Amino acid sequence: MRPVKREEILDYITYTEKRSELQSSVLKQKEPRRIHLGEYLTFLFENTDTVRYQIQEMMKAEQIVKEEAIQHEIDTYNELLGSKGELGCVLLIEIADANERPQKLKDWLGLQEKVYLTLDSGERIYAEWDKRQIDEEKLSSVQYLKFNTSGNAPKAIGVDHPGLQDEAELSDKQREALTEDLN
């Protein structure tokens, strides 16, 4: 997938003026790329437009104007994008009960190794993950994942961790959006 380039980024004041118009378009793109799996897992598959939106939102929130800081945001968010034949996503582990959260994140250590996409052929493609987010004692509630599908669109997403097992078929709209991201 094509990374976001510096010349595509608006200064935060211009972005603020155009935000409503830009936001509407991006939210439509995000909808089929947001996939819920069971009670606790949400996958946010990213593309160039959604990453550019995240960069613009950070610049607006932080009022970033220095060129070095802008480039840092671009480089950081571009890491979420998959390369050719890959899908990149953010996995949110959403445990609402603050009392349960620490134990579940400890119990689910290694979960990132057990997340997969299923292709039409039935093959499971397991996620690659950002090792900077792993701790020996607990799982981070936000994980950055990539799936090298060799350009093949997935039909399902799942997890086969001993403490958390689930799989969901993707809707036609979700499959269409992810197929578009692979091209």
N, C-alpha and C. Protein backbone atom coordinates (compact mmCIF):
# COMPACT_ATOMS: atom_id res chain seq x y z
N MET A 1 0.84 -1.19 0.00
CA MET A 1 0.00 0.00 0.00
C MET A 1 0.88 1.24 0.00
N ARG A 2 0.43 2.23 -0.69
CA ARG A 2 1.20 3.46 -0.81
C ARG A 2 1.22 4.21 0.52
N PRO A 3 2.42 4.56 1.00
CA PRO A 3 2.49 5.35 2.24
C PRO A 3 2.06 6.80 2.02
N VAL A 4 1.73 7.46 3.09
CA VAL A 4 1.38 8.88 3.06
C VAL A 4 2.65 9.68 2.81
N LYS A 5 2.55 10.67 1.94
CA LYS A 5 3.69 11.53 1.62
C LYS A 5 3.51 12.89 2.29
N ARG A 6 4.60 13.55 2.55
CA ARG A 6 4.58 14.85 3.22
C ARG A 6 3.71 15.86 2.49
N GLU A 7 3.76 15.88 1.15
CA GLU A 7 3.01 16.88 0.39
C GLU A 7 1.49 16.67 0.47
N GLU A 8 1.05 15.55 1.00
CA GLU A 8 -0.39 15.30 1.16
C GLU A 8 -0.94 15.85 2.48
N ILE A 9 -0.05 16.28 3.35
CA ILE A 9 -0.45 16.71 4.69
C ILE A 9 -0.67 18.22 4.71
N LEU A 10 -1.86 18.60 5.19
CA LEU A 10 -2.20 20.01 5.33
C LEU A 10 -1.69 20.54 6.67
N ASP A 11 -1.43 21.82 6.74
CA ASP A 11 -1.14 22.40 8.05
C ASP A 11 -2.40 22.28 8.89
N TYR A 12 -2.25 22.27 10.21
CA TYR A 12 -3.40 21.97 11.06
C TYR A 12 -4.51 23.02 10.98
N ILE A 13 -4.20 24.26 10.63
CA ILE A 13 -5.23 25.29 10.51
C ILE A 13 -6.08 25.04 9.26
N THR A 14 -5.43 24.79 8.13
CA THR A 14 -6.16 24.47 6.90
C THR A 14 -6.97 23.19 7.09
N TYR A 15 -6.37 22.19 7.74
CA TYR A 15 -7.08 20.94 8.01
C TYR A 15 -8.33 21.20 8.85
N THR A 16 -8.20 22.01 9.87
CA THR A 16 -9.34 22.32 10.73
C THR A 16 -10.49 22.92 9.93
N GLU A 17 -10.14 23.80 8.97
CA GLU A 17 -11.16 24.42 8.13
C GLU A 17 -11.87 23.40 7.23
N LYS A 18 -11.16 22.37 6.79
CA LYS A 18 -11.71 21.37 5.86
C LYS A 18 -12.10 20.07 6.57
N ARG A 19 -11.96 20.03 7.87
CA ARG A 19 -12.10 18.79 8.63
C ARG A 19 -13.43 18.08 8.42
N SER A 20 -14.53 18.79 8.50
CA SER A 20 -15.85 18.16 8.36
C SER A 20 -15.98 17.42 7.04
N GLU A 21 -15.58 18.07 5.98
CA GLU A 21 -15.66 17.49 4.64
C GLU A 21 -14.76 16.25 4.53
N LEU A 22 -13.52 16.35 5.02
CA LEU A 22 -12.58 15.24 4.95
C LEU A 22 -12.99 14.10 5.87
N GLN A 23 -13.47 14.45 7.04
CA GLN A 23 -13.84 13.46 8.05
C GLN A 23 -14.97 12.55 7.54
N SER A 24 -15.94 13.11 6.90
CA SER A 24 -17.07 12.35 6.39
C SER A 24 -16.61 11.24 5.44
N SER A 25 -15.73 11.58 4.53
CA SER A 25 -15.21 10.62 3.57
C SER A 25 -14.42 9.50 4.26
N VAL A 26 -13.56 9.87 5.19
CA VAL A 26 -12.73 8.88 5.86
C VAL A 26 -13.56 7.97 6.76
N LEU A 27 -14.55 8.50 7.44
CA LEU A 27 -15.39 7.67 8.31
C LEU A 27 -16.14 6.62 7.50
N LYS A 28 -16.53 6.96 6.28
CA LYS A 28 -17.17 5.97 5.40
C LYS A 28 -16.19 4.86 5.05
N GLN A 29 -14.94 5.22 4.85
CA GLN A 29 -13.92 4.21 4.54
C GLN A 29 -13.59 3.35 5.74
N LYS A 30 -13.62 3.95 6.93
CA LYS A 30 -13.28 3.21 8.14
C LYS A 30 -14.34 2.17 8.51
N GLU A 31 -15.60 2.47 8.20
CA GLU A 31 -16.69 1.59 8.64
C GLU A 31 -16.48 0.12 8.27
N PRO A 32 -16.26 -0.23 6.99
CA PRO A 32 -16.09 -1.66 6.69
C PRO A 32 -14.73 -2.21 7.11
N ARG A 33 -13.81 -1.34 7.46
CA ARG A 33 -12.48 -1.77 7.89
C ARG A 33 -12.40 -1.97 9.41
N ARG A 34 -13.49 -1.71 10.09
CA ARG A 34 -13.58 -1.92 11.55
C ARG A 34 -14.30 -3.26 11.74
N ILE A 35 -13.57 -4.23 12.25
CA ILE A 35 -14.11 -5.58 12.38
C ILE A 35 -14.07 -6.01 13.84
N HIS A 36 -15.23 -6.36 14.36
CA HIS A 36 -15.33 -6.81 15.75
C HIS A 36 -15.28 -8.33 15.78
N LEU A 37 -14.52 -8.84 16.73
CA LEU A 37 -14.42 -10.29 16.91
C LEU A 37 -14.71 -10.58 18.37
N GLY A 38 -15.87 -11.17 18.60
CA GLY A 38 -16.26 -11.49 19.96
C GLY A 38 -16.48 -10.25 20.80
N GLU A 39 -16.39 -10.44 22.09
CA GLU A 39 -16.68 -9.37 23.05
C GLU A 39 -15.55 -8.36 23.22
N TYR A 40 -14.31 -8.78 22.97
CA TYR A 40 -13.17 -7.97 23.38
C TYR A 40 -12.28 -7.41 22.27
N LEU A 41 -12.38 -7.93 21.06
CA LEU A 41 -11.41 -7.57 20.03
C LEU A 41 -12.03 -6.75 18.91
N THR A 42 -11.36 -5.64 18.57
CA THR A 42 -11.74 -4.82 17.42
C THR A 42 -10.50 -4.60 16.57
N PHE A 43 -10.63 -4.91 15.29
CA PHE A 43 -9.54 -4.72 14.33
C PHE A 43 -9.87 -3.51 13.47
N LEU A 44 -8.91 -2.61 13.36
CA LEU A 44 -9.07 -1.42 12.53
C LEU A 44 -8.06 -1.52 11.39
N PHE A 45 -8.51 -1.99 10.23
CA PHE A 45 -7.62 -2.11 9.08
C PHE A 45 -7.41 -0.74 8.48
N GLU A 46 -6.15 -0.44 8.21
CA GLU A 46 -5.78 0.90 7.75
C GLU A 46 -5.45 0.93 6.27
N ASN A 47 -5.71 2.07 5.66
CA ASN A 47 -5.24 2.33 4.30
C ASN A 47 -4.63 3.73 4.27
N THR A 48 -4.19 4.15 3.12
CA THR A 48 -3.50 5.45 3.01
C THR A 48 -4.39 6.59 3.51
N ASP A 49 -5.66 6.57 3.15
CA ASP A 49 -6.56 7.66 3.54
C ASP A 49 -6.80 7.67 5.06
N THR A 50 -6.98 6.50 5.66
CA THR A 50 -7.25 6.47 7.11
C THR A 50 -6.01 6.87 7.90
N VAL A 51 -4.85 6.51 7.40
CA VAL A 51 -3.60 6.90 8.07
C VAL A 51 -3.38 8.40 7.93
N ARG A 52 -3.62 8.93 6.74
CA ARG A 52 -3.48 10.39 6.55
C ARG A 52 -4.41 11.13 7.51
N TYR A 53 -5.62 10.64 7.66
CA TYR A 53 -6.59 11.23 8.60
C TYR A 53 -6.04 11.21 10.03
N GLN A 54 -5.46 10.08 10.43
CA GLN A 54 -4.90 9.98 11.80
C GLN A 54 -3.76 10.98 12.00
N ILE A 55 -2.93 11.12 10.98
CA ILE A 55 -1.83 12.09 11.06
C ILE A 55 -2.39 13.50 11.21
N GLN A 56 -3.37 13.84 10.37
CA GLN A 56 -3.98 15.18 10.44
C GLN A 56 -4.62 15.42 11.80
N GLU A 57 -5.29 14.42 12.34
CA GLU A 57 -5.93 14.56 13.66
C GLU A 57 -4.88 14.80 14.75
N MET A 58 -3.76 14.09 14.68
CA MET A 58 -2.69 14.29 15.67
C MET A 58 -2.11 15.69 15.55
N MET A 59 -1.88 16.13 14.33
CA MET A 59 -1.33 17.47 14.12
C MET A 59 -2.27 18.53 14.66
N LYS A 60 -3.57 18.33 14.45
CA LYS A 60 -4.56 19.28 14.95
C LYS A 60 -4.57 19.27 16.48
N ALA A 61 -4.64 18.08 17.06
CA ALA A 61 -4.73 17.96 18.52
C ALA A 61 -3.48 18.52 19.22
N GLU A 62 -2.32 18.24 18.63
CA GLU A 62 -1.05 18.66 19.23
C GLU A 62 -0.55 20.00 18.67
N GLN A 63 -1.25 20.55 17.69
CA GLN A 63 -0.85 21.77 17.00
C GLN A 63 0.61 21.69 16.53
N ILE A 64 0.86 20.62 15.81
CA ILE A 64 2.22 20.35 15.32
C ILE A 64 2.49 21.21 14.09
N VAL A 65 3.60 21.94 14.13
CA VAL A 65 3.99 22.78 13.00
C VAL A 65 5.43 22.56 12.55
N LYS A 66 6.26 22.05 13.43
CA LYS A 66 7.67 21.86 13.07
C LYS A 66 7.79 20.70 12.08
N GLU A 67 8.58 20.94 11.06
CA GLU A 67 8.72 19.97 9.97
C GLU A 67 9.20 18.61 10.49
N GLU A 68 10.13 18.62 11.39
CA GLU A 68 10.66 17.36 11.95
C GLU A 68 9.55 16.59 12.68
N ALA A 69 8.72 17.27 13.41
CA ALA A 69 7.62 16.62 14.14
C ALA A 69 6.56 16.10 13.18
N ILE A 70 6.29 16.84 12.12
CA ILE A 70 5.34 16.38 11.11
C ILE A 70 5.84 15.10 10.46
N GLN A 71 7.11 15.10 10.09
CA GLN A 71 7.69 13.91 9.45
C GLN A 71 7.69 12.72 10.41
N HIS A 72 7.90 12.98 11.69
CA HIS A 72 7.85 11.90 12.68
C HIS A 72 6.45 11.27 12.71
N GLU A 73 5.42 12.09 12.68
CA GLU A 73 4.04 11.56 12.67
C GLU A 73 3.79 10.74 11.40
N ILE A 74 4.25 11.24 10.28
CA ILE A 74 4.08 10.52 9.01
C ILE A 74 4.77 9.17 9.09
N ASP A 75 6.02 9.16 9.53
CA ASP A 75 6.78 7.91 9.61
C ASP A 75 6.13 6.93 10.58
N THR A 76 5.69 7.42 11.71
CA THR A 76 5.07 6.57 12.73
C THR A 76 3.79 5.94 12.21
N TYR A 77 2.90 6.73 11.65
CA TYR A 77 1.62 6.20 11.18
C TYR A 77 1.76 5.36 9.92
N ASN A 78 2.75 5.66 9.08
CA ASN A 78 2.97 4.83 7.89
C ASN A 78 3.35 3.40 8.26
N GLU A 79 3.90 3.22 9.45
CA GLU A 79 4.24 1.86 9.91
C GLU A 79 3.01 0.98 10.03
N LEU A 80 1.83 1.57 10.15
CA LEU A 80 0.60 0.79 10.27
C LEU A 80 0.18 0.17 8.94
N LEU A 81 0.67 0.71 7.85
CA LEU A 81 0.27 0.23 6.53
C LEU A 81 1.04 -1.02 6.15
N GLY A 82 0.34 -1.92 5.49
CA GLY A 82 1.01 -3.10 4.97
C GLY A 82 1.78 -2.76 3.71
N SER A 83 2.78 -3.56 3.42
CA SER A 83 3.50 -3.45 2.15
C SER A 83 2.68 -4.15 1.08
N LYS A 84 3.23 -4.27 -0.10
CA LYS A 84 2.53 -4.94 -1.20
C LYS A 84 2.13 -6.35 -0.76
N GLY A 85 0.85 -6.67 -0.93
CA GLY A 85 0.35 -8.00 -0.57
C GLY A 85 0.03 -8.18 0.90
N GLU A 86 0.16 -7.11 1.68
CA GLU A 86 -0.10 -7.18 3.13
C GLU A 86 -1.27 -6.30 3.52
N LEU A 87 -1.89 -6.66 4.62
CA LEU A 87 -2.90 -5.81 5.26
C LEU A 87 -2.37 -5.43 6.63
N GLY A 88 -2.46 -4.15 6.96
CA GLY A 88 -2.03 -3.66 8.27
C GLY A 88 -3.24 -3.25 9.08
N CYS A 89 -3.19 -3.51 10.37
CA CYS A 89 -4.31 -3.12 11.22
C CYS A 89 -3.85 -2.84 12.64
N VAL A 90 -4.73 -2.17 13.35
CA VAL A 90 -4.57 -1.95 14.78
C VAL A 90 -5.58 -2.87 15.46
N LEU A 91 -5.12 -3.64 16.41
CA LEU A 91 -6.00 -4.48 17.21
C LEU A 91 -6.21 -3.79 18.55
N LEU A 92 -7.46 -3.52 18.86
CA LEU A 92 -7.82 -2.94 20.15
C LEU A 92 -8.40 -4.06 21.02
N ILE A 93 -7.80 -4.27 22.17
CA ILE A 93 -8.32 -5.24 23.12
C ILE A 93 -9.10 -4.43 24.14
N GLU A 94 -10.41 -4.55 24.06
CA GLU A 94 -11.31 -3.67 24.81
C GLU A 94 -11.96 -4.42 25.96
N ILE A 95 -11.40 -4.22 27.13
CA ILE A 95 -11.91 -4.85 28.35
C ILE A 95 -12.47 -3.74 29.22
N ALA A 96 -13.77 -3.61 29.22
CA ALA A 96 -14.42 -2.48 29.90
C ALA A 96 -14.22 -2.51 31.41
N ASP A 97 -14.24 -3.67 32.01
CA ASP A 97 -14.13 -3.80 33.46
C ASP A 97 -12.67 -3.58 33.89
N ALA A 98 -12.41 -2.45 34.52
CA ALA A 98 -11.04 -2.10 34.93
C ALA A 98 -10.47 -3.11 35.93
N ASN A 99 -11.31 -3.80 36.67
CA ASN A 99 -10.84 -4.80 37.61
C ASN A 99 -10.40 -6.09 36.90
N GLU A 100 -11.08 -6.42 35.82
CA GLU A 100 -10.75 -7.62 35.03
C GLU A 100 -9.54 -7.40 34.11
N ARG A 101 -9.38 -6.18 33.64
CA ARG A 101 -8.40 -5.87 32.60
C ARG A 101 -6.99 -6.38 32.89
N PRO A 102 -6.39 -6.09 34.05
CA PRO A 102 -5.01 -6.54 34.26
C PRO A 102 -4.85 -8.06 34.18
N GLN A 103 -5.81 -8.80 34.73
CA GLN A 103 -5.71 -10.26 34.71
C GLN A 103 -5.88 -10.81 33.31
N LYS A 104 -6.84 -10.30 32.57
CA LYS A 104 -7.06 -10.78 31.21
C LYS A 104 -5.85 -10.47 30.33
N LEU A 105 -5.27 -9.28 30.46
CA LEU A 105 -4.09 -8.94 29.66
C LEU A 105 -2.90 -9.82 30.01
N LYS A 106 -2.85 -10.28 31.23
CA LYS A 106 -1.81 -11.23 31.65
C LYS A 106 -2.14 -12.62 31.09
N ASP A 107 -3.39 -13.04 31.22
CA ASP A 107 -3.81 -14.36 30.74
C ASP A 107 -3.69 -14.49 29.22
N TRP A 108 -3.88 -13.40 28.51
CA TRP A 108 -3.85 -13.43 27.05
C TRP A 108 -2.48 -13.13 26.46
N LEU A 109 -1.45 -13.16 27.29
CA LEU A 109 -0.09 -12.95 26.78
C LEU A 109 0.16 -13.93 25.64
N GLY A 110 0.68 -13.46 24.55
CA GLY A 110 0.91 -14.28 23.37
C GLY A 110 -0.25 -14.27 22.39
N LEU A 111 -1.31 -13.55 22.71
CA LEU A 111 -2.48 -13.47 21.83
C LEU A 111 -2.10 -13.02 20.43
N GLN A 112 -1.21 -12.03 20.33
CA GLN A 112 -0.83 -11.48 19.03
C GLN A 112 -0.27 -12.55 18.09
N GLU A 113 0.27 -13.63 18.63
CA GLU A 113 0.82 -14.71 17.82
C GLU A 113 -0.28 -15.63 17.30
N LYS A 114 -1.47 -15.51 17.83
CA LYS A 114 -2.56 -16.44 17.53
C LYS A 114 -3.69 -15.81 16.73
N VAL A 115 -3.48 -14.60 16.24
CA VAL A 115 -4.48 -13.91 15.43
C VAL A 115 -4.21 -14.26 13.96
N TYR A 116 -5.27 -14.57 13.23
CA TYR A 116 -5.09 -14.99 11.84
C TYR A 116 -6.21 -14.49 10.94
N LEU A 117 -5.90 -14.48 9.66
CA LEU A 117 -6.90 -14.29 8.61
C LEU A 117 -7.01 -15.63 7.87
N THR A 118 -8.21 -15.98 7.46
CA THR A 118 -8.42 -17.18 6.66
C THR A 118 -8.69 -16.75 5.23
N LEU A 119 -7.98 -17.37 4.30
CA LEU A 119 -8.16 -17.07 2.87
C LEU A 119 -9.21 -18.00 2.28
N ASP A 120 -9.64 -17.73 1.06
CA ASP A 120 -10.63 -18.58 0.38
C ASP A 120 -10.16 -20.03 0.29
N SER A 121 -8.86 -20.22 0.18
CA SER A 121 -8.30 -21.58 0.08
C SER A 121 -8.39 -22.34 1.40
N GLY A 122 -8.72 -21.64 2.48
CA GLY A 122 -8.74 -22.25 3.82
C GLY A 122 -7.46 -22.04 4.58
N GLU A 123 -6.44 -21.52 3.90
CA GLU A 123 -5.15 -21.26 4.56
C GLU A 123 -5.29 -20.15 5.59
N ARG A 124 -4.66 -20.37 6.73
CA ARG A 124 -4.60 -19.34 7.77
C ARG A 124 -3.29 -18.57 7.65
N ILE A 125 -3.42 -17.25 7.66
CA ILE A 125 -2.25 -16.37 7.65
C ILE A 125 -2.18 -15.72 9.02
N TYR A 126 -1.16 -16.07 9.79
CA TYR A 126 -1.01 -15.51 11.14
C TYR A 126 -0.35 -14.13 11.07
N ALA A 127 -0.69 -13.31 12.02
CA ALA A 127 -0.22 -11.93 12.06
C ALA A 127 1.25 -11.84 12.41
N GLU A 128 1.88 -10.83 11.85
CA GLU A 128 3.19 -10.38 12.32
C GLU A 128 2.87 -9.20 13.24
N TRP A 129 3.63 -9.00 14.28
CA TRP A 129 3.30 -7.98 15.25
C TRP A 129 4.53 -7.15 15.59
N ASP A 130 4.27 -6.01 16.19
CA ASP A 130 5.32 -5.07 16.58
C ASP A 130 5.86 -5.49 17.94
N LYS A 131 7.07 -6.01 17.94
CA LYS A 131 7.68 -6.53 19.17
C LYS A 131 7.91 -5.45 20.23
N ARG A 132 7.86 -4.18 19.82
CA ARG A 132 8.03 -3.09 20.79
C ARG A 132 6.85 -3.00 21.74
N GLN A 133 5.74 -3.65 21.40
CA GLN A 133 4.54 -3.56 22.22
C GLN A 133 4.37 -4.76 23.16
N ILE A 134 5.33 -5.65 23.17
CA ILE A 134 5.22 -6.87 23.97
C ILE A 134 6.04 -6.72 25.24
N ASP A 135 5.46 -7.17 26.30
CA ASP A 135 6.05 -7.13 27.62
C ASP A 135 5.97 -8.57 28.14
N GLU A 136 6.88 -9.01 28.94
CA GLU A 136 6.88 -10.39 29.44
C GLU A 136 5.77 -10.65 30.44
N GLU A 137 5.19 -9.61 31.00
CA GLU A 137 4.21 -9.79 32.06
C GLU A 137 2.77 -9.60 31.62
N LYS A 138 2.55 -8.75 30.60
CA LYS A 138 1.18 -8.54 30.15
C LYS A 138 1.17 -8.05 28.71
N LEU A 139 0.02 -8.21 28.11
CA LEU A 139 -0.20 -7.80 26.74
C LEU A 139 -0.63 -6.34 26.71
N SER A 140 -0.15 -5.59 25.75
CA SER A 140 -0.63 -4.23 25.56
C SER A 140 -2.04 -4.31 24.98
N SER A 141 -2.91 -3.41 25.38
CA SER A 141 -4.29 -3.43 24.88
C SER A 141 -4.42 -2.87 23.47
N VAL A 142 -3.32 -2.39 22.90
CA VAL A 142 -3.28 -1.95 21.51
C VAL A 142 -2.12 -2.68 20.84
N GLN A 143 -2.42 -3.36 19.76
CA GLN A 143 -1.40 -4.10 19.02
C GLN A 143 -1.41 -3.66 17.56
N TYR A 144 -0.24 -3.56 16.96
CA TYR A 144 -0.11 -3.25 15.54
C TYR A 144 0.23 -4.55 14.82
N LEU A 145 -0.62 -4.96 13.90
CA LEU A 145 -0.48 -6.24 13.23
C LEU A 145 -0.40 -6.06 11.72
N LYS A 146 0.28 -7.02 11.09
CA LYS A 146 0.31 -7.09 9.62
C LYS A 146 0.11 -8.54 9.22
N PHE A 147 -0.62 -8.70 8.12
CA PHE A 147 -0.90 -10.02 7.58
C PHE A 147 -0.39 -10.07 6.15
N ASN A 148 0.57 -10.95 5.88
CA ASN A 148 1.07 -11.09 4.52
C ASN A 148 0.21 -12.13 3.80
N THR A 149 -0.79 -11.67 3.11
CA THR A 149 -1.73 -12.54 2.40
C THR A 149 -1.28 -12.80 0.97
N SER A 150 -0.12 -12.30 0.59
CA SER A 150 0.37 -12.40 -0.80
C SER A 150 -0.65 -11.84 -1.79
N GLY A 151 -1.40 -10.84 -1.34
CA GLY A 151 -2.36 -10.18 -2.21
C GLY A 151 -3.73 -10.84 -2.25
N ASN A 152 -3.92 -11.91 -1.50
CA ASN A 152 -5.21 -12.61 -1.47
C ASN A 152 -6.10 -12.03 -0.38
N ALA A 153 -7.34 -11.76 -0.74
CA ALA A 153 -8.28 -11.19 0.23
C ALA A 153 -8.73 -12.26 1.23
N PRO A 154 -8.87 -11.87 2.48
CA PRO A 154 -9.35 -12.83 3.48
C PRO A 154 -10.86 -13.00 3.43
N LYS A 155 -11.31 -14.13 3.97
CA LYS A 155 -12.75 -14.36 4.09
C LYS A 155 -13.18 -14.38 5.55
N ALA A 156 -12.21 -14.53 6.47
CA ALA A 156 -12.54 -14.58 7.89
C ALA A 156 -11.35 -14.09 8.70
N ILE A 157 -11.63 -13.73 9.95
CA ILE A 157 -10.60 -13.34 10.90
C ILE A 157 -10.84 -14.11 12.18
N GLY A 158 -9.76 -14.51 12.83
CA GLY A 158 -9.95 -15.30 14.03
C GLY A 158 -8.76 -15.24 14.97
N VAL A 159 -8.95 -15.91 16.10
CA VAL A 159 -7.89 -16.03 17.11
C VAL A 159 -8.02 -17.42 17.72
N ASP A 160 -6.87 -18.08 17.92
CA ASP A 160 -6.90 -19.42 18.50
C ASP A 160 -5.99 -19.53 19.73
N HIS A 161 -6.04 -18.52 20.55
CA HIS A 161 -5.31 -18.50 21.83
C HIS A 161 -6.07 -19.37 22.83
N PRO A 162 -5.37 -20.14 23.67
CA PRO A 162 -6.09 -20.99 24.63
C PRO A 162 -7.10 -20.25 25.50
N GLY A 163 -6.83 -18.99 25.81
CA GLY A 163 -7.73 -18.22 26.65
C GLY A 163 -8.78 -17.43 25.91
N LEU A 164 -8.69 -17.42 24.57
CA LEU A 164 -9.62 -16.62 23.78
C LEU A 164 -9.67 -17.21 22.37
N GLN A 165 -10.77 -17.83 22.03
CA GLN A 165 -10.92 -18.44 20.71
C GLN A 165 -12.21 -17.95 20.06
N ASP A 166 -12.07 -17.51 18.82
CA ASP A 166 -13.24 -17.02 18.10
C ASP A 166 -12.86 -16.86 16.64
N GLU A 167 -13.84 -16.86 15.78
CA GLU A 167 -13.63 -16.59 14.36
C GLU A 167 -14.88 -15.95 13.81
N ALA A 168 -14.71 -15.01 12.88
CA ALA A 168 -15.85 -14.34 12.25
C ALA A 168 -15.63 -14.27 10.75
N GLU A 169 -16.69 -14.61 10.02
CA GLU A 169 -16.69 -14.44 8.57
C GLU A 169 -16.78 -12.94 8.28
N LEU A 170 -16.07 -12.50 7.27
CA LEU A 170 -16.15 -11.10 6.87
C LEU A 170 -17.36 -10.90 5.98
N SER A 171 -17.99 -9.74 6.12
CA SER A 171 -19.12 -9.40 5.26
C SER A 171 -18.60 -9.08 3.86
N ASP A 172 -19.51 -9.03 2.91
CA ASP A 172 -19.12 -8.66 1.54
C ASP A 172 -18.47 -7.29 1.51
N LYS A 173 -19.01 -6.33 2.27
CA LYS A 173 -18.43 -4.97 2.30
C LYS A 173 -17.02 -4.99 2.90
N GLN A 174 -16.82 -5.79 3.94
CA GLN A 174 -15.49 -5.88 4.55
C GLN A 174 -14.50 -6.51 3.58
N ARG A 175 -14.91 -7.57 2.94
CA ARG A 175 -14.03 -8.24 1.96
C ARG A 175 -13.68 -7.29 0.81
N GLU A 176 -14.67 -6.55 0.35
CA GLU A 176 -14.46 -5.60 -0.75
C GLU A 176 -13.45 -4.52 -0.33
N ALA A 177 -13.60 -3.98 0.88
CA ALA A 177 -12.69 -2.94 1.36
C ALA A 177 -11.26 -3.48 1.50
N LEU A 178 -11.11 -4.67 2.05
CA LEU A 178 -9.77 -5.23 2.24
C LEU A 178 -9.14 -5.64 0.90
N THR A 179 -9.96 -6.09 -0.02
CA THR A 179 -9.45 -6.42 -1.37
C THR A 179 -8.93 -5.15 -2.03
N GLU A 180 -9.67 -4.07 -1.89
CA GLU A 180 -9.26 -2.77 -2.44
C GLU A 180 -7.91 -2.35 -1.85
N ASP A 181 -7.72 -2.60 -0.55
CA ASP A 181 -6.47 -2.22 0.12
C ASP A 181 -5.28 -3.04 -0.36
N LEU A 182 -5.52 -4.23 -0.89
CA LEU A 182 -4.43 -5.07 -1.37
C LEU A 182 -3.98 -4.68 -2.77
N ASN A 183 -4.79 -3.91 -3.48
CA ASN A 183 -4.45 -3.52 -4.86
C ASN A 183 -3.66 -2.24 -4.92
